[in-house]
Structure formats: structure tokens, C-alpha cells
Amino acid sequence: MLWEPIDAPPGLGPPKPITVRAQTIPARGYFAEHAHRWHQIVYATSGVLTVAVEGRSFVISPEQAVWLPTGVRHRVGSLLGAQFRSLWVADEAGHDVAERPTVFAVQPLLRALILEAVALEDATDDGGYAGRVTALILDQFRRARPLPGALPWPREGPLVGLCEALYADPADARGPEEWGRELGLSARTLARRCEADIGMSLRSWRRCLRLFKSVELMGGGLSVTETAMQLGYGSTSAFVYAFRIGLGTSPQAYMREQVSGPPGR
């Protein structure tokens, strides 16, 4: 199934200091590679986004946002569809947030501010409220926790189909030999492609995928046990152990933090 390009809405001028765009991205829809004369915050209130920037590609969930500095070429899409929220930030207003493309953790306050900015986009600002919301959004990004990375994603080639299939069914247990036969590659060639295209082995990527999907599934209301089964773990305890190893805390504690924010913040 092919990906379909999406046209950007016409008539959007430079941000003063922030312009907010709310848009639904259909499954396998994408904005072709482009750049802006201003910064951009890439975020989804639901669903996941695929972001390609600076020779790498990754996916982010609603617990993450990407800061794209002025002039950085990028491409944004969604494999399964997403509610896209794009914030354009004037060059001067966001000059001290981050110098390079950065993935940030989105805590409840920042999410609420983004949603409020969307609601205020076409409203008059007689009392200066919208300006204060804008200032708080930028302050939150200055204080937000940069993440070491998001789930890496191949930009092109045979691994795209493999990663899409595993994303749709993370319980798929096929290993390099089976996937190599599926893609017409030897297991050794597939291993080399994984290292070159996503920077890790298929086994490591699958582990990252399961962690990523677990947050998405639990955020959508699934219990820990239901999530473990969806991801293909043999037991709930095996999933909890893998989650602790990967994220340093239990699934329950992690989701509580997503609701309330980290201690001391």
C-alpha cells in the first residue's frame, strides 16, 4: 500500500510569534520534505507520527514532540493516521530552545497548553491571554526533558515493509532468517541493512518497538496484562521485567507519571 502526499493548507503566513495548525493526517499520508524560515514543533494529540530529518527517521507518540529549528529540512507522516498539531514559532522567539532537531518529553501541562493554543488560534486576544499561553509553551520547551531518541525508522528500502508489518503486529515472532526469506535477503544481508538503516539489530529494534507500543497501548486504556498479550509476551511478569529494564520503572509507575508529571516539576 502506497503512501499519499498531503498538501499543506494555503495562506499560512509567518508566525507572530506562534501559529498553530490542527490537522488530521490519514493513514499513510505525509507532507513531502520541506523547510521553514521559522522553528516548528511537531506533535500528535493521538496516533503516531513518522518524522524524517537530517538523514534519519523515527516515530513519536503523544508523549513526545519534536523541535525542528529554522531551516531544517524534514518530512512528516503517519503510518496509521494521527491528529497532527503543528506549532510554527518565530525564529527570534524560539532561538534559545534547541539548536538541533530534538525529541522532548511532553508532560500533561505542555500538552494542555498546546491544546489551548489550538483553541485560541482564531480568537481575539484583547486581554493578552493568548500571548501568555504562547510564552508558557516556550518556557515549557525550555524546561522539557530532551529524550535520547525515539523509535528509529528506515527511510526507504525493504526494511520499511518489515518495520510496518511489525508495528502492525508486534507479536510477530519471525526472526532474521524468516524475514530474510520474506524480503529475498540472506540473514546476513538483512543484519547489515538493519545496522545501516536503523542503527541496530532487528532484535534490538523489536525490543524498542515493544516498549514504544506498550506506552501507546496503555495510554489508549489497555491494562498491563492486555498490553503484554498484544505485544506477544508469554506472561505479564515477562512484560513488566522488560519494561523495567528498558525504562527503569514499572509500567504502572510510568503511566502514573504521564498523568501527574514527574516529582518536583
C-alpha atoms as a PDB file:
ATOM      1  CA  MET A   1       0.000   0.000   0.000  1.00  0.00           C
ATOM      2  CA  LEU A   2       1.478   3.326  -1.098  1.00  0.00           C
ATOM      3  CA  TRP A   3       1.893   6.488   0.939  1.00  0.00           C
ATOM      4  CA  GLU A   4      -0.023   9.531  -0.336  1.00  0.00           C
ATOM      5  CA  PRO A   5       1.308  13.118  -0.186  1.00  0.00           C
ATOM      6  CA  ILE A   6      -0.716  15.795   1.612  1.00  0.00           C
ATOM      7  CA  ASP A   7      -0.866  19.441   0.547  1.00  0.00           C
ATOM      8  CA  ALA A   8      -0.153  21.998   3.249  1.00  0.00           C
ATOM      9  CA  PRO A   9      -3.033  24.413   3.947  1.00  0.00           C
ATOM     10  CA  PRO A  10      -2.674  27.581   1.828  1.00  0.00           C
ATOM     11  CA  GLY A  11      -2.425  31.104   3.131  1.00  0.00           C
ATOM     12  CA  LEU A  12      -0.485  30.485   6.338  1.00  0.00           C
ATOM     13  CA  GLY A  13       1.945  33.323   6.930  1.00  0.00           C
ATOM     14  CA  PRO A  14       4.962  33.651   9.240  1.00  0.00           C
ATOM     15  CA  PRO A  15       4.218  33.088  12.952  1.00  0.00           C
ATOM     16  CA  LYS A  16       3.751  36.119  15.238  1.00  0.00           C
ATOM     17  CA  PRO A  17       5.198  34.656  17.417  1.00  0.00           C
ATOM     18  CA  ILE A  18       3.340  31.303  17.203  1.00  0.00           C
ATOM     19  CA  THR A  19       0.949  29.920  14.601  1.00  0.00           C
ATOM     20  CA  VAL A  20      -0.867  26.693  15.458  1.00  0.00           C
ATOM     21  CA  ARG A  21      -2.248  24.280  12.873  1.00  0.00           C
ATOM     22  CA  ALA A  22      -4.582  21.400  13.705  1.00  0.00           C
ATOM     23  CA  GLN A  23      -4.941  18.769  11.009  1.00  0.00           C
ATOM     24  CA  THR A  24      -5.837  15.103  10.628  1.00  0.00           C
ATOM     25  CA  ILE A  25      -3.234  13.036   8.805  1.00  0.00           C
ATOM     26  CA  PRO A  26      -4.836   9.981   7.197  1.00  0.00           C
ATOM     27  CA  ALA A  27      -3.185   6.569   7.332  1.00  0.00           C
ATOM     28  CA  ARG A  28      -0.083   6.578   5.113  1.00  0.00           C
ATOM     29  CA  GLY A  29      -0.384  10.290   4.487  1.00  0.00           C
ATOM     30  CA  TYR A  30       2.698  12.526   4.547  1.00  0.00           C
ATOM     31  CA  PHE A  31       3.976  16.034   3.925  1.00  0.00           C
ATOM     32  CA  ALA A  32       6.834  15.934   1.410  1.00  0.00           C
ATOM     33  CA  GLU A  33      10.280  17.068   2.516  1.00  0.00           C
ATOM     34  CA  HIS A  34      10.459  20.821   3.045  1.00  0.00           C
ATOM     35  CA  ALA A  35      11.909  23.505   5.339  1.00  0.00           C
ATOM     36  CA  HIS A  36      10.606  26.677   7.033  1.00  0.00           C
ATOM     37  CA  ARG A  37      12.003  30.125   7.778  1.00  0.00           C
ATOM     38  CA  TRP A  38      10.892  29.571  11.378  1.00  0.00           C
ATOM     39  CA  HIS A  39      11.034  26.845  14.033  1.00  0.00           C
ATOM     40  CA  GLN A  40       8.433  24.072  14.181  1.00  0.00           C
ATOM     41  CA  ILE A  41       7.045  21.895  16.971  1.00  0.00           C
ATOM     42  CA  VAL A  42       5.768  18.551  15.607  1.00  0.00           C
ATOM     43  CA  TYR A  43       3.207  16.883  17.855  1.00  0.00           C
ATOM     44  CA  ALA A  44       0.225  14.500  17.709  1.00  0.00           C
ATOM     45  CA  THR A  45      -2.599  14.514  20.240  1.00  0.00           C
ATOM     46  CA  SER A  46      -3.414  10.933  19.182  1.00  0.00           C
ATOM     47  CA  GLY A  47      -1.800   8.404  16.874  1.00  0.00           C
ATOM     48  CA  VAL A  48       1.878   8.384  15.999  1.00  0.00           C
ATOM     49  CA  LEU A  49       3.922  10.470  13.587  1.00  0.00           C
ATOM     50  CA  THR A  50       6.842   9.455  11.409  1.00  0.00           C
ATOM     51  CA  VAL A  51       9.435  12.235  11.254  1.00  0.00           C
ATOM     52  CA  ALA A  52      12.372  12.188   8.823  1.00  0.00           C
ATOM     53  CA  VAL A  53      15.110  14.727   9.467  1.00  0.00           C
ATOM     54  CA  GLU A  54      18.872  15.013   8.921  1.00  0.00           C
ATOM     55  CA  GLY A  55      19.261  11.603   7.305  1.00  0.00           C
ATOM     56  CA  ARG A  56      17.366   9.700   9.993  1.00  0.00           C
ATOM     57  CA  SER A  57      13.757   8.748  10.532  1.00  0.00           C
ATOM     58  CA  PHE A  58      11.811   7.883  13.678  1.00  0.00           C
ATOM     59  CA  VAL A  59       8.309   7.730  15.099  1.00  0.00           C
ATOM     60  CA  ILE A  60       6.908   9.662  18.056  1.00  0.00           C
ATOM     61  CA  SER A  61       3.855   9.119  20.254  1.00  0.00           C
ATOM     62  CA  PRO A  62       1.663  11.739  22.020  1.00  0.00           C
ATOM     63  CA  GLU A  63       4.122  11.574  24.925  1.00  0.00           C
ATOM     64  CA  GLN A  64       6.793  13.115  22.676  1.00  0.00           C
ATOM     65  CA  ALA A  65       7.232  16.171  20.466  1.00  0.00           C
ATOM     66  CA  VAL A  66       9.970  17.138  18.025  1.00  0.00           C
ATOM     67  CA  TRP A  67      11.562  20.581  17.943  1.00  0.00           C
ATOM     68  CA  LEU A  68      12.753  21.474  14.434  1.00  0.00           C
ATOM     69  CA  PRO A  69      14.971  24.574  14.264  1.00  0.00           C
ATOM     70  CA  THR A  70      14.664  27.105  11.470  1.00  0.00           C
ATOM     71  CA  GLY A  71      15.796  25.875   8.067  1.00  0.00           C
ATOM     72  CA  VAL A  72      15.956  22.141   8.887  1.00  0.00           C
ATOM     73  CA  ARG A  73      14.570  20.002   6.066  1.00  0.00           C
ATOM     74  CA  HIS A  74      12.059  17.422   7.271  1.00  0.00           C
ATOM     75  CA  ARG A  75       9.208  15.132   6.281  1.00  0.00           C
ATOM     76  CA  VAL A  76       6.224  14.243   8.491  1.00  0.00           C
ATOM     77  CA  GLY A  77       3.675  11.468   8.008  1.00  0.00           C
ATOM     78  CA  SER A  78       1.708   8.794   9.836  1.00  0.00           C
ATOM     79  CA  LEU A  79       1.509   5.068   9.176  1.00  0.00           C
ATOM     80  CA  LEU A  80      -1.882   4.526  10.849  1.00  0.00           C
ATOM     81  CA  GLY A  81      -3.208   8.095  10.957  1.00  0.00           C
ATOM     82  CA  ALA A  82      -2.825  10.821  13.589  1.00  0.00           C
ATOM     83  CA  GLN A  83      -4.267  14.065  14.925  1.00  0.00           C
ATOM     84  CA  PHE A  84      -1.443  16.417  13.951  1.00  0.00           C
ATOM     85  CA  ARG A  85      -0.692  19.613  15.850  1.00  0.00           C
ATOM     86  CA  SER A  86       1.964  21.779  14.252  1.00  0.00           C
ATOM     87  CA  LEU A  87       3.247  24.872  16.029  1.00  0.00           C
ATOM     88  CA  TRP A  88       5.273  27.353  13.994  1.00  0.00           C
ATOM     89  CA  VAL A  89       7.479  29.516  16.191  1.00  0.00           C
ATOM     90  CA  ALA A  90       9.084  32.771  15.047  1.00  0.00           C
ATOM     91  CA  ASP A  91      12.846  32.498  14.658  1.00  0.00           C
ATOM     92  CA  GLU A  92      13.676  35.012  17.373  1.00  0.00           C
ATOM     93  CA  ALA A  93      11.050  33.764  19.842  1.00  0.00           C
ATOM     94  CA  GLY A  94      12.472  30.227  19.887  1.00  0.00           C
ATOM     95  CA  HIS A  95      16.170  30.871  19.311  1.00  0.00           C
ATOM     96  CA  ASP A  96      17.161  29.570  22.768  1.00  0.00           C
ATOM     97  CA  VAL A  97      15.098  26.340  22.862  1.00  0.00           C
ATOM     98  CA  ALA A  98      17.401  23.940  20.962  1.00  0.00           C
ATOM     99  CA  GLU A  99      19.958  24.354  18.192  1.00  0.00           C
ATOM    100  CA  ARG A 100      19.390  20.931  16.626  1.00  0.00           C
ATOM    101  CA  PRO A 101      16.324  18.737  15.997  1.00  0.00           C
ATOM    102  CA  THR A 102      15.395  17.422  19.440  1.00  0.00           C
ATOM    103  CA  VAL A 103      12.809  14.993  20.785  1.00  0.00           C
ATOM    104  CA  PHE A 104      11.230  16.250  24.010  1.00  0.00           C
ATOM    105  CA  ALA A 105       9.027  14.536  26.569  1.00  0.00           C
ATOM    106  CA  VAL A 106       5.538  16.077  26.677  1.00  0.00           C
ATOM    107  CA  GLN A 107       4.148  16.293  30.197  1.00  0.00           C
ATOM    108  CA  PRO A 108       0.459  16.995  30.938  1.00  0.00           C
ATOM    109  CA  LEU A 109       0.905  20.774  31.349  1.00  0.00           C
ATOM    110  CA  LEU A 110       2.640  21.159  27.988  1.00  0.00           C
ATOM    111  CA  ARG A 111       0.012  19.038  26.280  1.00  0.00           C
ATOM    112  CA  ALA A 112      -2.761  21.146  27.829  1.00  0.00           C
ATOM    113  CA  LEU A 113      -1.057  24.364  26.701  1.00  0.00           C
ATOM    114  CA  ILE A 114      -0.743  23.082  23.132  1.00  0.00           C
ATOM    115  CA  LEU A 115      -4.445  22.185  23.075  1.00  0.00           C
ATOM    116  CA  GLU A 116      -5.306  25.617  24.498  1.00  0.00           C
ATOM    117  CA  ALA A 117      -3.208  27.321  21.819  1.00  0.00           C
ATOM    118  CA  VAL A 118      -5.136  25.410  19.154  1.00  0.00           C
ATOM    119  CA  ALA A 119      -8.436  26.572  20.654  1.00  0.00           C
ATOM    120  CA  LEU A 120      -7.232  30.198  20.735  1.00  0.00           C
ATOM    121  CA  GLU A 121      -5.785  30.296  17.222  1.00  0.00           C
ATOM    122  CA  ASP A 122      -8.655  32.237  15.647  1.00  0.00           C
ATOM    123  CA  ALA A 123      -9.804  34.115  18.766  1.00  0.00           C
ATOM    124  CA  THR A 124      -9.129  37.775  19.539  1.00  0.00           C
ATOM    125  CA  ASP A 125      -6.562  38.425  22.246  1.00  0.00           C
ATOM    126  CA  ASP A 126      -7.807  41.641  23.820  1.00  0.00           C
ATOM    127  CA  GLY A 127      -6.550  40.745  27.280  1.00  0.00           C
ATOM    128  CA  GLY A 128      -3.225  39.233  26.221  1.00  0.00           C
ATOM    129  CA  TYR A 129      -4.189  35.716  27.351  1.00  0.00           C
ATOM    130  CA  ALA A 130      -3.082  34.038  24.108  1.00  0.00           C
ATOM    131  CA  GLY A 131       0.284  35.746  24.426  1.00  0.00           C
ATOM    132  CA  ARG A 132       0.726  34.352  27.920  1.00  0.00           C
ATOM    133  CA  VAL A 133      -0.149  30.846  26.688  1.00  0.00           C
ATOM    134  CA  THR A 134       2.465  31.240  23.946  1.00  0.00           C
ATOM    135  CA  ALA A 135       5.094  32.320  26.469  1.00  0.00           C
ATOM    136  CA  LEU A 136       4.272  29.350  28.704  1.00  0.00           C
ATOM    137  CA  ILE A 137       4.590  26.908  25.797  1.00  0.00           C
ATOM    138  CA  LEU A 138       8.071  28.191  25.011  1.00  0.00           C
ATOM    139  CA  ASP A 139       9.020  28.130  28.702  1.00  0.00           C
ATOM    140  CA  GLN A 140       7.830  24.532  28.937  1.00  0.00           C
ATOM    141  CA  PHE A 141      10.003  23.534  25.978  1.00  0.00           C
ATOM    142  CA  ARG A 142      12.998  25.231  27.568  1.00  0.00           C
ATOM    143  CA  ARG A 143      12.329  23.153  30.699  1.00  0.00           C
ATOM    144  CA  ALA A 144      11.260  19.936  28.957  1.00  0.00           C
ATOM    145  CA  ARG A 145      13.339  16.795  29.217  1.00  0.00           C
ATOM    146  CA  PRO A 146      15.210  16.046  25.981  1.00  0.00           C
ATOM    147  CA  LEU A 147      14.966  12.363  25.110  1.00  0.00           C
ATOM    148  CA  PRO A 148      17.956  10.454  23.750  1.00  0.00           C
ATOM    149  CA  GLY A 149      15.906   9.401  20.760  1.00  0.00           C
ATOM    150  CA  ALA A 150      12.672   7.916  19.535  1.00  0.00           C
ATOM    151  CA  LEU A 151      11.934   4.651  17.776  1.00  0.00           C
ATOM    152  CA  PRO A 152      14.203   4.647  14.697  1.00  0.00           C
ATOM    153  CA  TRP A 153      12.533   4.060  11.353  1.00  0.00           C
ATOM    154  CA  PRO A 154      14.031   3.246   7.916  1.00  0.00           C
ATOM    155  CA  ARG A 155      13.642   5.985   5.321  1.00  0.00           C
ATOM    156  CA  GLU A 156      13.377   3.642   2.326  1.00  0.00           C
ATOM    157  CA  GLY A 157      14.127   0.131   1.060  1.00  0.00           C
ATOM    158  CA  PRO A 158      12.981  -3.352   2.111  1.00  0.00           C
ATOM    159  CA  LEU A 159      13.143  -2.620   5.841  1.00  0.00           C
ATOM    160  CA  VAL A 160      10.227  -0.214   5.525  1.00  0.00           C
ATOM    161  CA  GLY A 161       7.812  -3.086   4.838  1.00  0.00           C
ATOM    162  CA  LEU A 162       9.324  -5.168   7.629  1.00  0.00           C
ATOM    163  CA  CYS A 163       9.010  -2.376  10.190  1.00  0.00           C
ATOM    164  CA  GLU A 164       5.461  -1.552   9.099  1.00  0.00           C
ATOM    165  CA  ALA A 165       4.447  -5.207   9.486  1.00  0.00           C
ATOM    166  CA  LEU A 166       5.980  -5.479  12.954  1.00  0.00           C
ATOM    167  CA  TYR A 167       4.439  -2.197  14.021  1.00  0.00           C
ATOM    168  CA  ALA A 168       1.012  -3.508  12.992  1.00  0.00           C
ATOM    169  CA  ASP A 169       1.658  -6.855  14.722  1.00  0.00           C
ATOM    170  CA  PRO A 170       4.414  -6.571  17.366  1.00  0.00           C
ATOM    171  CA  ALA A 171       3.633 -10.133  18.475  1.00  0.00           C
ATOM    172  CA  ASP A 172       5.011 -11.440  15.152  1.00  0.00           C
ATOM    173  CA  ALA A 173       7.861 -13.681  16.304  1.00  0.00           C
ATOM    174  CA  ARG A 174       9.617 -14.238  12.979  1.00  0.00           C
ATOM    175  CA  GLY A 175      13.388 -13.856  13.216  1.00  0.00           C
ATOM    176  CA  PRO A 176      16.061 -12.713  10.736  1.00  0.00           C
ATOM    177  CA  GLU A 177      16.017 -15.968   8.751  1.00  0.00           C
ATOM    178  CA  GLU A 178      12.255 -15.916   8.199  1.00  0.00           C
ATOM    179  CA  TRP A 179      12.196 -12.197   7.425  1.00  0.00           C
ATOM    180  CA  GLY A 180      15.174 -12.595   5.127  1.00  0.00           C
ATOM    181  CA  ARG A 181      13.262 -15.157   3.082  1.00  0.00           C
ATOM    182  CA  GLU A 182      10.203 -12.874   3.059  1.00  0.00           C
ATOM    183  CA  LEU A 183      12.285  -9.971   1.707  1.00  0.00           C
ATOM    184  CA  GLY A 184      14.526 -12.012  -0.594  1.00  0.00           C
ATOM    185  CA  LEU A 185      17.623 -11.340   1.512  1.00  0.00           C
ATOM    186  CA  SER A 186      20.040 -13.571   3.351  1.00  0.00           C
ATOM    187  CA  ALA A 187      20.033 -13.301   7.131  1.00  0.00           C
ATOM    188  CA  ARG A 188      23.498 -11.735   6.974  1.00  0.00           C
ATOM    189  CA  THR A 189      22.416  -9.128   4.409  1.00  0.00           C
ATOM    190  CA  LEU A 190      19.334  -8.326   6.476  1.00  0.00           C
ATOM    191  CA  ALA A 191      21.524  -7.830   9.548  1.00  0.00           C
ATOM    192  CA  ARG A 192      23.733  -5.398   7.616  1.00  0.00           C
ATOM    193  CA  ARG A 193      20.698  -3.486   6.364  1.00  0.00           C
ATOM    194  CA  CYS A 194      19.345  -3.198   9.902  1.00  0.00           C
ATOM    195  CA  GLU A 195      22.594  -1.726  11.189  1.00  0.00           C
ATOM    196  CA  ALA A 196      22.830   0.663   8.230  1.00  0.00           C
ATOM    197  CA  ASP A 197      19.161   1.758   8.062  1.00  0.00           C
ATOM    198  CA  ILE A 198      18.025   1.801  11.699  1.00  0.00           C
ATOM    199  CA  GLY A 199      21.316   1.681  13.582  1.00  0.00           C
ATOM    200  CA  MET A 200      20.694  -1.551  15.488  1.00  0.00           C
ATOM    201  CA  SER A 201      19.935  -5.228  15.120  1.00  0.00           C
ATOM    202  CA  LEU A 202      16.442  -6.477  14.338  1.00  0.00           C
ATOM    203  CA  ARG A 203      16.244  -7.970  17.826  1.00  0.00           C
ATOM    204  CA  SER A 204      17.139  -4.653  19.477  1.00  0.00           C
ATOM    205  CA  TRP A 205      14.720  -2.740  17.265  1.00  0.00           C
ATOM    206  CA  ARG A 206      11.918  -5.162  18.093  1.00  0.00           C
ATOM    207  CA  ARG A 207      12.638  -4.605  21.787  1.00  0.00           C
ATOM    208  CA  CYS A 208      12.420  -0.820  21.268  1.00  0.00           C
ATOM    209  CA  LEU A 209       9.237  -1.249  19.248  1.00  0.00           C
ATOM    210  CA  ARG A 210       7.555  -3.217  22.019  1.00  0.00           C
ATOM    211  CA  LEU A 211       8.433  -0.549  24.580  1.00  0.00           C
ATOM    212  CA  PHE A 212       7.130   2.167  22.276  1.00  0.00           C
ATOM    213  CA  LYS A 213       3.920   0.288  21.529  1.00  0.00           C
ATOM    214  CA  SER A 214       3.394  -0.542  25.191  1.00  0.00           C
ATOM    215  CA  VAL A 215       3.201   3.149  26.070  1.00  0.00           C
ATOM    216  CA  GLU A 216       0.840   3.734  23.144  1.00  0.00           C
ATOM    217  CA  LEU A 217      -1.424   0.822  24.117  1.00  0.00           C
ATOM    218  CA  MET A 218      -1.556   1.621  27.828  1.00  0.00           C
ATOM    219  CA  GLY A 219      -2.128   5.275  27.013  1.00  0.00           C
ATOM    220  CA  GLY A 220      -5.128   4.106  24.983  1.00  0.00           C
ATOM    221  CA  GLY A 221      -6.634   2.390  28.023  1.00  0.00           C
ATOM    222  CA  LEU A 222      -5.336  -1.199  27.842  1.00  0.00           C
ATOM    223  CA  SER A 223      -4.336  -2.862  31.086  1.00  0.00           C
ATOM    224  CA  VAL A 224      -0.818  -4.127  31.706  1.00  0.00           C
ATOM    225  CA  THR A 225      -1.937  -7.713  31.083  1.00  0.00           C
ATOM    226  CA  GLU A 226      -3.785  -6.832  27.872  1.00  0.00           C
ATOM    227  CA  THR A 227      -0.750  -4.899  26.650  1.00  0.00           C
ATOM    228  CA  ALA A 228       1.572  -7.808  27.389  1.00  0.00           C
ATOM    229  CA  MET A 229      -0.623 -10.147  25.324  1.00  0.00           C
ATOM    230  CA  GLN A 230      -0.902  -7.683  22.411  1.00  0.00           C
ATOM    231  CA  LEU A 231       2.883  -7.396  22.299  1.00  0.00           C
ATOM    232  CA  GLY A 232       3.446 -11.136  22.283  1.00  0.00           C
ATOM    233  CA  TYR A 233       4.967 -11.596  25.737  1.00  0.00           C
ATOM    234  CA  GLY A 234       4.492 -15.029  27.282  1.00  0.00           C
ATOM    235  CA  SER A 235       3.339 -13.554  30.592  1.00  0.00           C
ATOM    236  CA  THR A 236       2.585 -10.251  32.276  1.00  0.00           C
ATOM    237  CA  SER A 237       5.629 -10.655  34.505  1.00  0.00           C
ATOM    238  CA  ALA A 238       7.892 -11.015  31.448  1.00  0.00           C
ATOM    239  CA  PHE A 239       6.499  -7.756  30.042  1.00  0.00           C
ATOM    240  CA  VAL A 240       6.895  -5.920  33.370  1.00  0.00           C
ATOM    241  CA  TYR A 241      10.501  -7.135  33.610  1.00  0.00           C
ATOM    242  CA  ALA A 242      11.302  -5.990  30.041  1.00  0.00           C
ATOM    243  CA  PHE A 243       9.645  -2.624  30.708  1.00  0.00           C
ATOM    244  CA  ARG A 244      11.695  -2.122  33.872  1.00  0.00           C
ATOM    245  CA  ILE A 245      14.915  -2.979  32.047  1.00  0.00           C
ATOM    246  CA  GLY A 246      14.090  -0.609  29.193  1.00  0.00           C
ATOM    247  CA  LEU A 247      12.622   2.386  31.051  1.00  0.00           C
ATOM    248  CA  GLY A 248      13.835   1.943  34.614  1.00  0.00           C
ATOM    249  CA  THR A 249      10.397   1.752  36.207  1.00  0.00           C
ATOM    250  CA  SER A 250       7.260  -0.360  36.223  1.00  0.00           C
ATOM    251  CA  PRO A 251       4.518   0.148  33.601  1.00  0.00           C
ATOM    252  CA  GLN A 252       2.092   1.327  36.300  1.00  0.00           C
ATOM    253  CA  ALA A 253       4.548   3.890  37.704  1.00  0.00           C
ATOM    254  CA  TYR A 254       5.434   5.130  34.224  1.00  0.00           C
ATOM    255  CA  MET A 255       1.795   5.721  33.296  1.00  0.00           C
ATOM    256  CA  ARG A 256       1.110   7.470  36.623  1.00  0.00           C
ATOM    257  CA  GLU A 257       3.959   9.863  35.843  1.00  0.00           C
ATOM    258  CA  GLN A 258       2.487  10.570  32.404  1.00  0.00           C
ATOM    259  CA  VAL A 259      -0.736  11.672  34.107  1.00  0.00           C
ATOM    260  CA  SER A 260       0.685  13.624  37.043  1.00  0.00           C
ATOM    261  CA  GLY A 261       4.123  14.657  35.790  1.00  0.00           C
ATOM    262  CA  PRO A 262       7.474  13.753  37.372  1.00  0.00           C
ATOM    263  CA  PRO A 263       8.071  14.547  41.055  1.00  0.00           C
ATOM    264  CA  GLY A 264       9.385  18.002  41.790  1.00  0.00           C
ATOM    265  CA  ARG A 265       8.261  19.537  38.487  1.00  0.00           C
END
